[in-house]
Amino acid sequence: MMRREQYCDGRLVKEIDQINVGGEATESTDRHVDGSHRWLLDGEEITPAEAAAFLATWEAGTRGRRTS
């Protein structure tokens, strides 16, 4: 199962694998925890550092437009 978090009007996406640590094997209800993740910018995979830089630039530009 995959969980998606969207940022910057949907341009920046974090896809997170969800791992079931419950279910039949443990005889309990399904419980999912975060596994590995990847970042996508406009559909292309980028590094976590690139994602952080893009997000910071986006937020700085958004703040500047609000105060103008």
C-alpha atoms as a PDB file:
ATOM      1  CA  MET A   1       0.000   0.000   0.000  1.00  0.00           C
ATOM      2  CA  MET A   2       1.256   3.507  -0.813  1.00  0.00           C
ATOM      3  CA  ARG A   3       0.489   6.792   0.943  1.00  0.00           C
ATOM      4  CA  ARG A   4       1.027  10.076  -0.898  1.00  0.00           C
ATOM      5  CA  GLU A   5       1.663  13.490   0.604  1.00  0.00           C
ATOM      6  CA  GLN A   6       1.406  16.471  -1.732  1.00  0.00           C
ATOM      7  CA  TYR A   7       3.105  19.846  -1.338  1.00  0.00           C
ATOM      8  CA  CYS A   8       3.498  23.020  -3.429  1.00  0.00           C
ATOM      9  CA  ASP A   9       0.136  22.812  -5.189  1.00  0.00           C
ATOM     10  CA  GLY A  10       0.760  19.136  -5.950  1.00  0.00           C
ATOM     11  CA  ARG A  11       4.081  19.649  -7.771  1.00  0.00           C
ATOM     12  CA  LEU A  12       6.107  17.999  -4.994  1.00  0.00           C
ATOM     13  CA  VAL A  13       4.938  14.537  -3.900  1.00  0.00           C
ATOM     14  CA  LYS A  14       6.274  12.207  -1.227  1.00  0.00           C
ATOM     15  CA  GLU A  15       5.320   8.575  -1.857  1.00  0.00           C
ATOM     16  CA  ILE A  16       5.602   6.423   1.275  1.00  0.00           C
ATOM     17  CA  ASP A  17       5.352   2.629   1.330  1.00  0.00           C
ATOM     18  CA  GLN A  18       3.003   1.417   4.043  1.00  0.00           C
ATOM     19  CA  ILE A  19       4.007  -1.847   5.720  1.00  0.00           C
ATOM     20  CA  ASN A  20       1.328  -3.948   7.423  1.00  0.00           C
ATOM     21  CA  VAL A  21       2.681  -5.034  10.814  1.00  0.00           C
ATOM     22  CA  GLY A  22      -0.614  -6.591  11.911  1.00  0.00           C
ATOM     23  CA  GLY A  23      -3.033  -8.849  10.107  1.00  0.00           C
ATOM     24  CA  GLU A  24      -3.249 -12.624   9.876  1.00  0.00           C
ATOM     25  CA  ALA A  25       0.383 -13.330  10.731  1.00  0.00           C
ATOM     26  CA  THR A  26       0.044 -11.639  14.122  1.00  0.00           C
ATOM     27  CA  GLU A  27      -3.646 -12.480  14.610  1.00  0.00           C
ATOM     28  CA  SER A  28      -4.446  -8.792  15.113  1.00  0.00           C
ATOM     29  CA  THR A  29      -6.071  -6.041  13.116  1.00  0.00           C
ATOM     30  CA  ASP A  30      -4.180  -4.474  10.219  1.00  0.00           C
ATOM     31  CA  ARG A  31      -1.785  -1.770  11.337  1.00  0.00           C
ATOM     32  CA  HIS A  32       0.414   0.055   8.846  1.00  0.00           C
ATOM     33  CA  VAL A  33       3.688   1.856   9.494  1.00  0.00           C
ATOM     34  CA  ASP A  34       5.798   3.973   7.165  1.00  0.00           C
ATOM     35  CA  GLY A  35       8.433   2.163   5.140  1.00  0.00           C
ATOM     36  CA  SER A  36      10.703   3.580   2.463  1.00  0.00           C
ATOM     37  CA  HIS A  37       9.789   6.734   0.592  1.00  0.00           C
ATOM     38  CA  ARG A  38      10.712   8.684  -2.512  1.00  0.00           C
ATOM     39  CA  TRP A  39      10.249  12.256  -3.650  1.00  0.00           C
ATOM     40  CA  LEU A  40       8.789  13.288  -7.014  1.00  0.00           C
ATOM     41  CA  LEU A  41       8.862  16.756  -8.549  1.00  0.00           C
ATOM     42  CA  ASP A  42       6.506  17.149 -11.495  1.00  0.00           C
ATOM     43  CA  GLY A  43       6.508  13.343 -11.807  1.00  0.00           C
ATOM     44  CA  GLU A  44      10.315  12.934 -11.833  1.00  0.00           C
ATOM     45  CA  GLU A  45      12.169  11.320  -8.933  1.00  0.00           C
ATOM     46  CA  ILE A  46      14.486  13.678  -7.011  1.00  0.00           C
ATOM     47  CA  THR A  47      16.725  13.370  -3.942  1.00  0.00           C
ATOM     48  CA  PRO A  48      15.561  14.346  -0.443  1.00  0.00           C
ATOM     49  CA  ALA A  49      17.991  17.305  -0.548  1.00  0.00           C
ATOM     50  CA  GLU A  50      16.482  18.523  -3.828  1.00  0.00           C
ATOM     51  CA  ALA A  51      12.991  18.167  -2.354  1.00  0.00           C
ATOM     52  CA  ALA A  52      13.963  20.198   0.723  1.00  0.00           C
ATOM     53  CA  ALA A  53      15.523  22.923  -1.434  1.00  0.00           C
ATOM     54  CA  PHE A  54      12.487  23.127  -3.708  1.00  0.00           C
ATOM     55  CA  LEU A  55      10.109  23.273  -0.733  1.00  0.00           C
ATOM     56  CA  ALA A  56      12.145  26.023   0.953  1.00  0.00           C
ATOM     57  CA  THR A  57      12.263  28.068  -2.256  1.00  0.00           C
ATOM     58  CA  TRP A  58       8.533  27.565  -2.809  1.00  0.00           C
ATOM     59  CA  GLU A  59       7.665  28.627   0.734  1.00  0.00           C
ATOM     60  CA  ALA A  60       9.927  31.694   0.547  1.00  0.00           C
ATOM     61  CA  GLY A  61       8.284  32.760  -2.707  1.00  0.00           C
ATOM     62  CA  THR A  62       4.804  32.206  -1.306  1.00  0.00           C
ATOM     63  CA  ARG A  63       5.541  34.273   1.810  1.00  0.00           C
ATOM     64  CA  GLY A  64       6.912  37.081  -0.369  1.00  0.00           C
ATOM     65  CA  ARG A  65       3.742  37.206  -2.456  1.00  0.00           C
ATOM     66  CA  ARG A  66       1.500  37.343   0.622  1.00  0.00           C
ATOM     67  CA  THR A  67       3.266  40.335   2.141  1.00  0.00           C
ATOM     68  CA  SER A  68       3.458  42.355  -1.085  1.00  0.00           C
END
